[in-house]
């Protein structure tokens, strides 16, 4: 082993002009009550909650995120905590990833389940323990104090020798040549390279990112890194020398498992044949290229700085550089787009034969240029967006791309392993401002400040300065179950009742079966061979259905 977007609800069709999709949902809803009784989680008292080996806590690392520490001070107690964005995603929090789950569809359009006997079959019996998940989560959990006696990941909690565990790594690059009008990810286009002059801020950031990895390296010696994702922002907005140095630092700091997946995001306008060849030689083996549309007028409406021709040239250069695993991002529901132009985009991309396609719905976020003028944007209506999603699924399937997640499609064996790590609830560490992490049973994120990040990590310390921490909270049993439901149901494979039993010691059918039967009966879910999963119709409104299934709002948004 070598050490090394969805549009705003304000743009939805007015009630008097409801489309077919809305009318159908309203009709289904009329048959359902609005009962939202509590769900009791039944756990076997003789079979304690089993821990996923990948999520065992090798070291106590809960720190007080509110602790006031100067930027220059290096905390001696703060454990290895770091953030991640969703990959092509997003949890993408990934650079250009957006979630097509129709979050803005008004509640009255979402079918409501009839829960005639909400408490039936959920009482404790036959040596079972009923642990209620309240419909309201009003308690505020204080972060635990760090365990000073366990400051490394070298010694398992059991004290017995352990094999290497798996770990994902996310690196955030917060620079763009030009920031898109719809983007709300943490990035800036105020710091750019001009000619051969490299901005000092980029040099300082690359140094801070490497120091961050060096800190983590010393605390993850019992882990093999099997997925790496460099997102942003636009990673290729960095000068080639700095980006390559960051890539090489990954190999210097971590044990990379044989067969690892190493992804770098790229805007076609920043493509360079020499850089692509150097990235491939340095160990990067997967690219994610943001196309969004094959129509130049739609790209202009999105304020993208590349053309369709730029994408074609970028894709060809990537193939010539030796990349045989490429993802292409496309969007639907964007300004000036029609069903025909969207299908033309999908046809254009499929003809290039990438291994993976991400199909995102444009989300219009407050605080972005699009958010400020959302009432003026020429967006497709609700029914058109719905048709785009379902037609896109059908077309990509006909071209050999299997939908394995709400927004993601891949050829056999080419699913994005890093994104699957998020949705399977496996451990990952993120580096960079605004990045998120899940490690040792704790979720944490870093503050959205480039200047603060560079200052705090100007020199490598013994641990990550606690002044950088934003969110920081341990995952208790209730939160773990909620996250399991939320993340697993993003996947087409859905939830295995056997896996649920092994993890939590409870009977999934007894706990959730009656609640989900309504959605099965109405075509939003399936229940086959011990698995519950959303249909495409259910995926399109999954956030609303999940809000009914999970009777409190998880801290982690997914």
Protein backbone atom coordinates (compact mmCIF):
# COMPACT_ATOMS: atom_id res chain seq x y z
CA UNK A 1 0.00 0.00 0.00
CA UNK A 2 1.40 3.34 -0.99
CA UNK A 3 1.11 6.26 1.41
CA UNK A 4 0.50 9.07 -0.32
CA UNK A 5 -32.28 23.41 -9.33
CA UNK A 6 -35.26 23.60 -8.71
CA UNK A 7 -37.36 26.77 -9.57
CA UNK A 8 -39.32 28.74 -7.01
CA UNK A 9 -42.88 27.81 -6.21
CA UNK A 10 -43.84 31.36 -7.17
CA UNK A 11 -43.39 30.37 -10.78
CA UNK A 12 -45.71 27.37 -10.53
CA UNK A 13 -48.83 27.40 -12.68
CA UNK A 14 -51.62 29.41 -10.97
CA UNK A 15 -54.44 27.34 -9.39
CA UNK A 16 -56.91 28.22 -12.12
CA UNK A 17 -54.46 26.93 -14.72
CA UNK A 18 -53.41 23.71 -13.06
CA UNK A 19 -51.83 21.17 -15.36
CA UNK A 20 -52.48 17.47 -15.62
CA UNK A 21 -49.80 16.56 -13.10
CA UNK A 22 -51.20 18.89 -10.45
CA UNK A 23 -54.78 17.76 -11.03
CA UNK A 24 -53.80 14.11 -10.71
CA UNK A 25 -51.98 14.73 -7.43
CA UNK A 26 -54.92 16.74 -6.08
CA UNK A 27 -57.29 13.90 -6.93
CA UNK A 28 -55.13 11.39 -5.08
CA UNK A 29 -54.82 13.71 -2.11
CA UNK A 30 -58.59 14.02 -1.74
CA UNK A 31 -58.71 10.33 -0.86
CA UNK A 32 -56.26 10.76 2.01
CA UNK A 33 -56.48 12.24 5.49
CA UNK A 34 -53.99 14.64 7.02
CA UNK A 35 -53.22 12.41 9.97
CA UNK A 36 -49.56 12.80 10.99
CA UNK A 37 -49.39 10.61 14.08
CA UNK A 38 -46.12 9.65 15.69
CA UNK A 39 -44.08 6.72 14.47
CA UNK A 40 -42.73 4.31 17.05
CA UNK A 41 -39.37 2.74 16.24
CA UNK A 42 -39.40 -0.84 17.46
CA UNK A 43 -36.01 -2.12 18.55
CA UNK A 44 -35.22 -5.58 19.87
CA UNK A 45 -34.08 -5.21 23.46
CA UNK A 46 -32.05 -8.40 23.12
CA UNK A 47 -30.33 -7.11 19.99
CA UNK A 48 -28.76 -3.69 20.55
CA UNK A 49 -28.38 -1.36 17.60
CA UNK A 50 -25.59 -2.77 15.49
CA UNK A 51 -22.99 -0.36 14.20
CA UNK A 52 -21.92 -0.22 10.62
CA UNK A 53 -18.15 -0.97 10.69
CA UNK A 54 -17.60 2.02 8.45
CA UNK A 55 -19.20 4.37 10.96
CA UNK A 56 -17.57 3.15 14.20
CA UNK A 57 -16.10 5.97 16.21
CA UNK A 58 -12.33 5.36 16.37
CA UNK A 59 -11.77 8.51 18.40
CA UNK A 60 -13.97 10.87 20.32
CA UNK A 61 -13.95 14.10 18.39
CA UNK A 62 -16.91 16.15 19.49
CA UNK A 63 -15.79 19.72 19.95
CA UNK A 64 -17.56 22.83 21.06
CA UNK A 65 -18.23 24.70 17.84
CA UNK A 66 -19.13 27.84 19.80
CA UNK A 67 -15.77 28.01 21.53
CA UNK A 68 -14.06 31.32 20.82
CA UNK A 69 -10.54 30.70 19.55
CA UNK A 70 -8.44 33.15 17.59
CA UNK A 71 -7.68 32.30 13.97
CA UNK A 72 -4.01 31.92 14.78
CA UNK A 73 -4.58 29.52 17.68
CA UNK A 74 -4.29 25.80 16.95
CA UNK A 75 -6.55 23.77 19.20
CA UNK A 76 -4.77 20.88 20.89
CA UNK A 77 -8.06 19.10 21.54
CA UNK A 78 -10.07 19.46 18.36
CA UNK A 79 -10.14 16.13 16.50
CA UNK A 80 -9.98 15.71 12.73
CA UNK A 81 -13.08 17.53 11.60
CA UNK A 82 -13.76 18.75 8.09
CA UNK A 83 -16.55 19.51 5.59
CA UNK A 84 -17.77 18.25 2.19
CA UNK A 85 -20.02 19.49 -0.61
CA UNK A 86 -22.40 17.24 -2.48
CA UNK A 87 -20.75 15.90 -5.54
CA UNK A 88 -22.15 16.13 -8.68
CA UNK A 89 -23.81 16.74 -6.18
CA UNK A 90 -24.17 17.46 -4.56
CA UNK A 91 -25.23 16.80 -0.32
CA UNK A 92 -23.43 17.77 -4.22
CA UNK A 93 -23.46 19.74 -1.75
CA UNK A 94 -21.37 19.28 -5.10
CA UNK A 95 -20.51 22.20 -7.18
CA UNK A 96 -23.20 22.28 -9.77
CA UNK A 97 -25.35 19.56 -8.34
CA UNK A 98 -28.98 20.31 -7.73
CA UNK A 99 -31.72 18.11 -6.38
CA UNK A 100 -34.65 17.38 -8.68
CA UNK A 101 -36.98 16.38 -5.91
CA UNK A 102 -39.58 19.07 -6.54
CA UNK A 103 -39.11 20.70 -3.15
CA UNK A 104 -41.13 23.70 -4.19
CA UNK A 105 -44.26 21.82 -5.26
CA UNK A 106 -46.96 23.18 -2.90
CA UNK A 107 -47.99 20.82 -0.10
CA UNK A 108 -51.59 20.66 -1.31
CA UNK A 109 -50.40 18.90 -4.46
CA UNK A 110 -48.72 16.05 -2.58
CA UNK A 111 -50.82 13.00 -1.70
CA UNK A 112 -51.36 12.47 2.01
CA UNK A 113 -51.50 8.98 3.53
CA UNK A 114 -54.47 7.60 5.41
CA UNK A 115 -53.19 6.46 8.80
CA UNK A 116 -56.23 4.89 10.40
CA UNK A 117 -54.39 3.06 13.17
CA UNK A 118 -51.12 4.88 13.68
CA UNK A 119 -50.29 3.18 16.93
CA UNK A 120 -51.19 -0.34 15.89
CA UNK A 121 -48.36 -2.89 15.88
CA UNK A 122 -45.90 -0.38 17.33
CA UNK A 123 -46.23 -1.17 21.04
CA UNK A 124 -43.52 -2.97 22.93
CA UNK A 125 -44.09 -6.73 23.13
CA UNK A 126 -42.23 -10.03 23.02
CA UNK A 127 -39.11 -8.50 24.58
CA UNK A 128 -39.07 -5.51 22.23
CA UNK A 129 -38.42 -1.92 23.19
CA UNK A 130 -40.55 0.81 21.61
CA UNK A 131 -38.53 3.98 21.19
CA UNK A 132 -40.70 6.86 20.04
CA UNK A 133 -39.52 9.31 17.43
CA UNK A 134 -41.37 12.46 18.40
CA UNK A 135 -43.08 14.60 15.79
CA UNK A 136 -41.23 17.53 17.30
CA UNK A 137 -37.54 17.66 18.11
CA UNK A 138 -37.27 20.58 20.51
CA UNK A 139 -34.20 19.53 22.44
CA UNK A 140 -30.92 21.25 21.73
CA UNK A 141 -27.94 18.93 21.88
CA UNK A 142 -24.77 20.43 23.23
CA UNK A 143 -21.59 19.23 21.52
CA UNK A 144 -19.65 16.80 23.68
CA UNK A 145 -16.33 17.74 25.14
CA UNK A 146 -13.40 16.19 23.28
CA UNK A 147 -11.86 13.06 24.73
CA UNK A 148 -8.28 14.05 25.43
CA UNK A 149 -7.24 10.46 25.96
CA UNK A 150 -8.23 9.43 22.44
CA UNK A 151 -6.52 11.83 20.08
CA UNK A 152 -5.78 9.53 17.17
CA UNK A 153 -7.61 6.96 15.09
CA UNK A 154 -4.89 4.35 15.55
CA UNK A 155 -6.52 2.47 18.42
CA UNK A 156 -10.00 1.00 17.94
CA UNK A 157 -12.48 1.53 20.76
CA UNK A 158 -12.42 -2.20 21.54
CA UNK A 159 -8.65 -2.16 22.08
CA UNK A 160 -8.28 -5.04 19.64
CA UNK A 161 -6.42 -4.92 16.33
CA UNK A 162 -8.60 -3.75 13.47
CA UNK A 163 -8.35 -3.85 9.71
CA UNK A 164 -8.29 -0.75 7.59
CA UNK A 165 -11.60 1.05 7.26
CA UNK A 166 -12.76 2.95 4.17
CA UNK A 167 -12.80 6.72 3.92
CA UNK A 168 -13.85 9.27 1.32
CA UNK A 169 -12.11 12.61 0.85
CA UNK A 170 -13.65 15.80 -0.53
CA UNK A 171 -11.54 18.85 -1.42
CA UNK A 172 -13.29 22.14 -2.08
CA UNK A 173 -11.85 24.68 -4.54
CA UNK A 174 -13.76 27.97 -4.00
CA UNK A 175 -12.63 29.75 -7.18
CA UNK A 176 -14.47 30.35 -10.47
CA UNK A 177 -13.62 32.25 -13.61
CA UNK A 178 -17.20 33.53 -13.51
CA UNK A 179 -19.88 32.63 -10.99
CA UNK A 180 -23.12 31.35 -12.50
CA UNK A 181 -26.27 33.32 -11.70
CA UNK A 182 -28.04 30.28 -10.16
CA UNK A 183 -25.16 29.02 -7.99
CA UNK A 184 -25.30 29.31 -4.20
CA UNK A 185 -22.26 27.14 -3.43
CA UNK A 186 -19.41 28.86 -1.64
CA UNK A 187 -17.13 30.26 -4.32
CA UNK A 188 -15.81 33.54 -5.69
CA UNK A 189 -14.98 34.93 -9.11
CA UNK A 190 -13.16 37.93 -7.65
CA UNK A 191 -9.85 36.05 -7.54
CA UNK A 192 -8.78 34.89 -11.01
CA UNK A 193 -5.56 34.21 -12.87
CA UNK A 194 -4.58 36.81 -15.46
CA UNK A 195 -1.91 35.66 -17.85
CA UNK A 196 0.91 33.96 -15.96
CA UNK A 197 0.29 35.88 -12.75
CA UNK A 198 -1.03 33.68 -9.96
CA UNK A 199 -3.03 35.53 -7.27
CA UNK A 200 -1.48 35.33 -3.82
CA UNK A 201 -4.83 34.20 -2.40
CA UNK A 202 -4.71 31.06 -4.55
CA UNK A 203 -1.21 30.23 -3.32
CA UNK A 204 -2.28 30.73 0.30
CA UNK A 205 -5.34 28.58 -0.22
CA UNK A 206 -3.40 25.69 -1.79
CA UNK A 207 -0.99 25.83 1.17
CA UNK A 208 -3.88 25.82 3.69
CA UNK A 209 -5.57 22.90 1.92
CA UNK A 210 -2.36 20.85 2.06
CA UNK A 211 -1.88 21.65 5.76
CA UNK A 212 -5.44 20.55 6.35
CA UNK A 213 -4.77 17.20 4.67
CA UNK A 214 -1.57 16.77 6.69
CA UNK A 215 -3.51 17.19 9.92
CA UNK A 216 -6.04 14.61 8.81
CA UNK A 217 -3.32 12.24 7.65
CA UNK A 218 -2.05 11.85 11.20
CA UNK A 219 -5.52 11.06 12.50
CA UNK A 220 -6.67 8.58 9.87
CA UNK A 221 -3.89 6.00 9.88
CA UNK A 222 -6.43 3.19 10.29
CA UNK A 223 -8.21 4.23 7.07
CA UNK A 224 -7.74 3.59 3.37
CA UNK A 225 -9.04 6.35 1.12
CA UNK A 226 -11.00 4.72 -1.71
CA UNK A 227 -12.80 7.78 -3.15
CA UNK A 228 -11.57 11.35 -3.70
CA UNK A 229 -13.66 14.19 -5.13
CA UNK A 230 -12.27 17.64 -5.93
CA UNK A 231 -15.19 20.01 -6.47
CA UNK A 232 -16.05 23.65 -6.18
CA UNK A 233 -16.32 26.23 -7.47
CA UNK A 234 -14.25 25.22 -10.44
CA UNK A 235 -11.13 23.21 -9.56
CA UNK A 236 -9.63 23.85 -12.99
CA UNK A 237 -9.85 27.60 -12.34
CA UNK A 238 -6.68 27.07 -10.31
CA UNK A 239 -3.34 27.29 -12.14
CA UNK A 240 -2.29 23.83 -13.30
CA UNK A 241 0.75 23.77 -11.02
CA UNK A 242 -1.30 24.42 -7.88
CA UNK A 243 -4.03 21.92 -8.80
CA UNK A 244 -1.50 19.19 -9.59
CA UNK A 245 0.33 19.87 -6.32
CA UNK A 246 -2.95 19.41 -4.42
CA UNK A 247 -3.64 16.16 -6.28
CA UNK A 248 -0.17 14.84 -5.43
CA UNK A 249 -0.57 15.86 -1.79
CA UNK A 250 -3.51 13.46 -1.51
CA UNK A 251 -1.19 10.57 -2.35
CA UNK A 252 1.47 11.88 0.04
CA UNK A 253 -0.97 12.17 2.95
CA UNK A 254 -3.27 9.16 2.63
CA UNK A 255 -3.21 5.46 1.85
CA UNK A 256 -5.00 5.15 -1.48
CA UNK A 257 -6.69 1.79 -1.83
CA UNK A 258 -6.16 -0.22 -4.99
CA UNK A 259 -8.90 0.60 -7.46
CA UNK A 260 -9.68 3.96 -5.89
CA UNK A 261 -11.94 6.49 -7.63
CA UNK A 262 -10.50 10.02 -8.00
CA UNK A 263 -12.80 12.65 -9.53
CA UNK A 264 -12.10 16.25 -10.55
CA UNK A 265 -14.85 18.63 -11.67
CA UNK A 266 -14.27 20.76 -14.74
CA UNK A 267 -15.90 23.62 -16.61
CA UNK A 268 -15.41 23.17 -20.38
CA UNK A 269 -14.13 26.76 -20.61
CA UNK A 270 -11.15 25.82 -18.41
CA UNK A 271 -10.12 22.68 -20.30
CA UNK A 272 -6.50 22.27 -21.31
CA UNK A 273 -5.06 19.21 -23.06
CA UNK A 274 -1.74 19.32 -21.19
CA UNK A 275 -3.46 19.68 -17.82
CA UNK A 276 -5.77 16.75 -18.54
CA UNK A 277 -2.83 14.50 -19.41
CA UNK A 278 -0.98 15.56 -16.26
CA UNK A 279 -4.03 14.97 -14.09
CA UNK A 280 -4.43 11.48 -15.53
CA UNK A 281 -0.76 10.66 -14.93
CA UNK A 282 -1.06 12.01 -11.37
CA UNK A 283 -3.78 9.46 -10.58
CA UNK A 284 -7.04 11.27 -11.35
CA UNK A 285 -9.19 8.67 -13.11
CA UNK A 286 -12.62 10.30 -13.35
CA UNK A 287 -13.84 13.67 -14.66
CA UNK A 288 -17.13 15.45 -14.09
CA UNK A 289 -17.78 18.00 -16.84
CA UNK A 290 -20.50 20.63 -16.47
CA UNK A 291 -22.34 20.96 -19.78
CA UNK A 292 -25.89 21.79 -18.56
CA UNK A 293 -27.28 22.34 -22.09
CA UNK A 294 -26.23 21.70 -25.67
CA UNK A 295 -27.91 24.94 -26.80
CA UNK A 296 -25.81 28.09 -26.65
CA UNK A 297 -28.78 30.39 -26.02
CA UNK A 298 -29.73 28.32 -22.96
CA UNK A 299 -26.12 28.38 -21.74
CA UNK A 300 -26.16 32.17 -22.07
CA UNK A 301 -29.44 32.32 -20.13
CA UNK A 302 -27.70 30.36 -17.34
CA UNK A 303 -24.70 32.74 -17.52
CA UNK A 304 -22.39 29.84 -18.36
CA UNK A 305 -19.05 30.98 -19.83
CA UNK A 306 -18.60 28.03 -22.20
CA UNK A 307 -20.19 27.07 -25.50
CA UNK A 308 -21.34 23.71 -26.83
CA UNK A 309 -18.19 23.65 -28.95
CA UNK A 310 -16.04 24.13 -25.84
CA UNK A 311 -17.68 21.08 -24.29
CA UNK A 312 -17.12 18.92 -27.37
CA UNK A 313 -13.45 19.88 -27.45
CA UNK A 314 -13.07 19.31 -23.71
CA UNK A 315 -14.67 15.86 -23.89
CA UNK A 316 -12.45 14.80 -26.80
CA UNK A 317 -9.31 16.03 -25.02
CA UNK A 318 -10.32 14.06 -21.94
CA UNK A 319 -10.67 10.86 -23.96
CA UNK A 320 -7.31 11.47 -25.64
CA UNK A 321 -5.74 12.01 -22.21
CA UNK A 322 -6.87 8.52 -21.18
CA UNK A 323 -10.01 9.19 -19.16
CA UNK A 324 -12.40 6.26 -19.52
CA UNK A 325 -14.77 7.34 -16.76
CA UNK A 326 -16.48 10.68 -17.45
CA UNK A 327 -19.64 12.22 -16.03
CA UNK A 328 -21.58 14.95 -17.82
CA UNK A 329 -23.93 17.30 -15.94
CA UNK A 330 -27.13 18.46 -17.64
CA UNK A 331 -30.02 20.57 -16.31
CA UNK A 332 -33.73 20.72 -16.95
CA UNK A 333 -36.21 23.43 -16.00
CA UNK A 334 -33.81 26.20 -17.09
CA UNK A 335 -34.72 29.55 -18.68
CA UNK A 336 -35.82 29.38 -22.34
CA UNK A 337 -35.75 25.56 -22.32
CA UNK A 338 -38.49 23.47 -23.93
CA UNK A 339 -39.15 19.73 -23.85
CA UNK A 340 -37.70 19.46 -27.34
CA UNK A 341 -34.49 21.34 -26.57
CA UNK A 342 -33.99 19.31 -23.39
CA UNK A 343 -34.35 16.03 -25.25
CA UNK A 344 -31.93 17.35 -27.88
CA UNK A 345 -29.42 17.99 -25.08
CA UNK A 346 -29.80 14.43 -23.79
CA UNK A 347 -29.42 13.05 -27.30
CA UNK A 348 -26.31 15.16 -27.84
CA UNK A 349 -24.75 13.90 -24.60
CA UNK A 350 -25.69 10.24 -25.13
CA UNK A 351 -24.03 10.37 -28.57
CA UNK A 352 -20.75 11.27 -26.81
CA UNK A 353 -21.08 8.00 -24.82
CA UNK A 354 -19.96 9.18 -21.38
CA UNK A 355 -20.00 6.58 -18.63
CA UNK A 356 -22.23 8.64 -16.33
CA UNK A 357 -24.86 11.38 -16.73
CA UNK A 358 -26.22 13.60 -13.95
CA UNK A 359 -29.63 15.15 -14.75
CA UNK A 360 -30.42 17.97 -12.35
CA UNK A 361 -33.47 20.17 -11.96
CA UNK A 362 -32.57 23.85 -11.69
CA UNK A 363 -33.16 25.16 -8.19
CA UNK A 364 -33.50 28.88 -7.69
CA UNK A 365 -31.98 29.85 -4.37
CA UNK A 366 -32.44 33.03 -2.38
CA UNK A 367 -29.39 35.25 -2.38
CA UNK A 368 -28.41 34.43 -5.96
CA UNK A 369 -28.92 36.68 -9.02
CA UNK A 370 -31.59 34.24 -10.22
CA UNK A 371 -33.25 34.40 -6.81
CA UNK A 372 -33.49 38.18 -7.03
CA UNK A 373 -35.32 38.09 -10.38
CA UNK A 374 -37.09 34.73 -10.21
CA UNK A 375 -40.47 36.26 -11.15
CA UNK A 376 -38.98 37.51 -14.41
CA UNK A 377 -37.25 34.33 -15.56
CA UNK A 378 -38.73 32.56 -18.64
CA UNK A 379 -38.96 29.15 -16.96
CA UNK A 380 -40.82 26.04 -18.15
CA UNK A 381 -44.09 25.44 -16.34
CA UNK A 382 -44.63 22.70 -13.80
CA UNK A 383 -46.07 20.11 -16.18
CA UNK A 384 -43.27 20.68 -18.67
CA UNK A 385 -40.65 20.12 -15.98
CA UNK A 386 -42.40 16.95 -14.92
CA UNK A 387 -42.44 15.68 -18.52
CA UNK A 388 -38.75 16.54 -18.90
CA UNK A 389 -37.87 14.44 -15.86
CA UNK A 390 -39.88 11.37 -16.81
CA UNK A 391 -39.03 11.58 -20.51
CA UNK A 392 -35.37 11.98 -19.59
CA UNK A 393 -35.44 8.84 -17.44
CA UNK A 394 -37.06 6.84 -20.23
CA UNK A 395 -34.66 8.09 -22.88
CA UNK A 396 -31.50 7.53 -20.83
CA UNK A 397 -32.67 4.03 -19.99
CA UNK A 398 -33.07 3.31 -23.72
CA UNK A 399 -29.47 4.44 -24.21
CA UNK A 400 -28.07 2.07 -21.58
CA UNK A 401 -27.97 4.45 -18.61
CA UNK A 402 -29.57 2.99 -15.50
CA UNK A 403 -31.04 5.38 -12.96
CA UNK A 404 -29.45 4.51 -9.63
CA UNK A 405 -30.28 7.74 -7.76
CA UNK A 406 -32.78 10.57 -8.10
CA UNK A 407 -30.54 12.59 -10.43
CA UNK A 408 -27.88 10.12 -11.53
CA UNK A 409 -27.61 7.59 -14.35
CA UNK A 410 -24.74 5.31 -15.22
CA UNK A 411 -23.61 2.47 -17.40
CA UNK A 412 -23.13 -0.82 -15.59
CA UNK A 413 -20.43 -0.53 -12.92
CA UNK A 414 -19.85 3.20 -13.48
CA UNK A 415 -21.93 4.61 -10.64
CA UNK A 416 -20.18 7.41 -8.78
CA UNK A 417 -18.72 5.63 -5.76
CA UNK A 418 -18.01 8.87 -3.91
CA UNK A 419 -21.63 10.00 -4.13
CA UNK A 420 -22.81 6.54 -3.11
CA UNK A 421 -20.72 6.95 0.02
CA UNK A 422 -22.90 9.93 1.01
CA UNK A 423 -26.15 8.10 0.35
CA UNK A 424 -25.00 4.93 2.12
CA UNK A 425 -24.12 6.94 5.23
CA UNK A 426 -20.41 6.06 5.07
CA UNK A 427 -17.58 8.14 6.45
CA UNK A 428 -15.93 10.99 4.59
CA UNK A 429 -13.84 14.03 5.40
CA UNK A 430 -13.97 17.35 3.59
CA UNK A 431 -11.34 20.08 3.32
CA UNK A 432 -12.01 23.72 2.53
CA UNK A 433 -14.42 26.48 3.61
CA UNK A 434 -18.10 25.41 3.65
CA UNK A 435 -17.20 21.72 3.27
CA UNK A 436 -18.98 19.05 5.33
CA UNK A 437 -17.82 15.81 6.97
CA UNK A 438 -19.22 12.69 8.56
CA UNK A 439 -16.64 10.92 10.69
CA UNK A 440 -16.64 8.98 13.94
CA UNK A 441 -20.42 9.32 14.35
CA UNK A 442 -20.28 13.12 14.09
CA UNK A 443 -21.31 15.53 11.35
CA UNK A 444 -19.50 18.85 11.10
CA UNK A 445 -18.86 21.64 8.64
CA UNK A 446 -16.45 24.54 8.26
CA UNK A 447 -17.25 28.23 8.10
CA UNK A 448 -17.77 29.89 4.73
CA UNK A 449 -14.70 32.13 4.87
CA UNK A 450 -11.74 31.83 2.53
CA UNK A 451 -9.70 34.40 4.46
CA UNK A 452 -10.33 32.74 7.83
CA UNK A 453 -9.48 29.31 6.45
CA UNK A 454 -6.17 30.47 4.95
CA UNK A 455 -5.19 32.34 8.12
CA UNK A 456 -6.01 29.49 10.49
CA UNK A 457 -4.12 26.91 8.39
CA UNK A 458 -1.20 29.08 7.32
CA UNK A 459 1.00 26.78 9.38
CA UNK A 460 0.28 23.12 10.07
CA UNK A 461 -0.84 22.53 13.62
CA UNK A 462 -1.56 19.38 15.58
CA UNK A 463 -5.28 19.57 14.91
CA UNK A 464 -7.87 21.57 13.04
CA UNK A 465 -8.44 24.97 14.71
CA UNK A 466 -11.86 24.95 16.36
CA UNK A 467 -12.34 28.55 15.20
CA UNK A 468 -13.10 27.12 11.73
CA UNK A 469 -15.94 24.87 12.85
CA UNK A 470 -19.51 25.77 11.97
CA UNK A 471 -22.00 22.93 12.52
CA UNK A 472 -20.76 20.14 14.78
CA UNK A 473 -23.05 17.53 16.30
CA UNK A 474 -23.02 13.80 17.10
CA UNK A 475 -25.54 11.49 15.43
CA UNK A 476 -27.76 9.77 17.95
CA UNK A 477 -29.88 6.70 17.22
CA UNK A 478 -32.96 8.70 16.28
CA UNK A 479 -31.03 10.93 13.90
CA UNK A 480 -29.24 7.92 12.40
CA UNK A 481 -32.54 6.24 11.54
CA UNK A 482 -33.92 9.43 10.01
CA UNK A 483 -30.80 9.92 7.89
CA UNK A 484 -30.92 6.28 6.83
CA UNK A 485 -34.45 6.73 5.50
CA UNK A 486 -33.72 10.05 3.83
CA UNK A 487 -30.49 9.00 2.12
CA UNK A 488 -31.29 5.40 1.18
CA UNK A 489 -34.56 6.35 -0.45
CA UNK A 490 -32.66 8.66 -2.82
CA UNK A 491 -31.34 5.47 -4.40
CA UNK A 492 -33.29 3.32 -6.81
CA UNK A 493 -32.32 0.29 -4.71
CA UNK A 494 -34.20 1.82 -1.79
CA UNK A 495 -34.26 0.26 1.68
CA UNK A 496 -33.63 -3.39 2.44
CA UNK A 497 -35.66 -4.56 5.42
CA UNK A 498 -32.92 -7.08 6.23
CA UNK A 499 -30.29 -4.33 6.26
CA UNK A 500 -32.51 -2.18 8.48
CA UNK A 501 -32.91 -5.09 10.91
CA UNK A 502 -29.14 -5.70 11.01
CA UNK A 503 -28.38 -2.03 11.67
CA UNK A 504 -31.14 -1.06 14.08
CA UNK A 505 -32.53 -4.31 15.45
CA UNK A 506 -36.08 -3.39 14.44
CA UNK A 507 -38.70 -4.68 12.04
CA UNK A 508 -39.02 -2.10 9.24
CA UNK A 509 -42.34 -3.50 8.04
CA UNK A 510 -43.87 -3.25 11.51
CA UNK A 511 -42.63 0.31 11.99
CA UNK A 512 -43.17 1.85 8.57
CA UNK A 513 -45.14 -0.65 6.50
CA UNK A 514 -48.62 0.81 7.06
CA UNK A 515 -47.33 4.35 6.59
CA UNK A 516 -45.79 3.44 3.23
CA UNK A 517 -48.64 1.31 1.92
CA UNK A 518 -50.54 4.41 0.83
CA UNK A 519 -47.68 5.46 -1.44
CA UNK A 520 -47.32 1.93 -2.79
CA UNK A 521 -51.04 1.80 -3.64
CA UNK A 522 -50.83 5.14 -5.46
CA UNK A 523 -47.73 4.37 -7.55
CA UNK A 524 -45.18 6.43 -5.65
CA UNK A 525 -43.32 3.46 -4.12
CA UNK A 526 -42.72 -0.23 -4.67
CA UNK A 527 -42.32 -3.06 -2.17
CA UNK A 528 -40.65 -6.07 -3.75
CA UNK A 529 -38.26 -8.76 -2.50
CA UNK A 530 -37.84 -7.17 0.90
CA UNK A 531 -37.13 -3.68 -0.46
CA UNK A 532 -39.03 -0.42 -0.36
CA UNK A 533 -38.12 2.06 -3.09
CA UNK A 534 -39.48 5.15 -4.81
CA UNK A 535 -40.79 4.93 -8.35
CA UNK A 536 -39.79 7.82 -10.66
CA UNK A 537 -43.06 9.52 -9.70
CA UNK A 538 -42.14 9.15 -6.03
CA UNK A 539 -38.61 10.43 -6.60
CA UNK A 540 -40.00 13.58 -8.20
CA UNK A 541 -41.86 14.46 -4.97
CA UNK A 542 -39.62 12.54 -2.56
CA UNK A 543 -38.96 15.43 -0.19
CA UNK A 544 -42.66 15.82 0.53
CA UNK A 545 -43.18 12.10 1.05
CA UNK A 546 -40.14 11.89 3.32
CA UNK A 547 -41.52 14.75 5.39
CA UNK A 548 -44.55 12.50 6.05
CA UNK A 549 -42.48 9.41 6.78
CA UNK A 550 -39.94 11.10 9.05
CA UNK A 551 -41.92 12.95 11.74
CA UNK A 552 -39.16 15.45 12.56
CA UNK A 553 -36.65 17.39 10.50
CA UNK A 554 -33.15 15.86 10.56
CA UNK A 555 -30.26 18.24 11.13
CA UNK A 556 -28.57 16.88 8.03
CA UNK A 557 -30.43 17.91 4.88
CA UNK A 558 -28.99 15.28 2.59
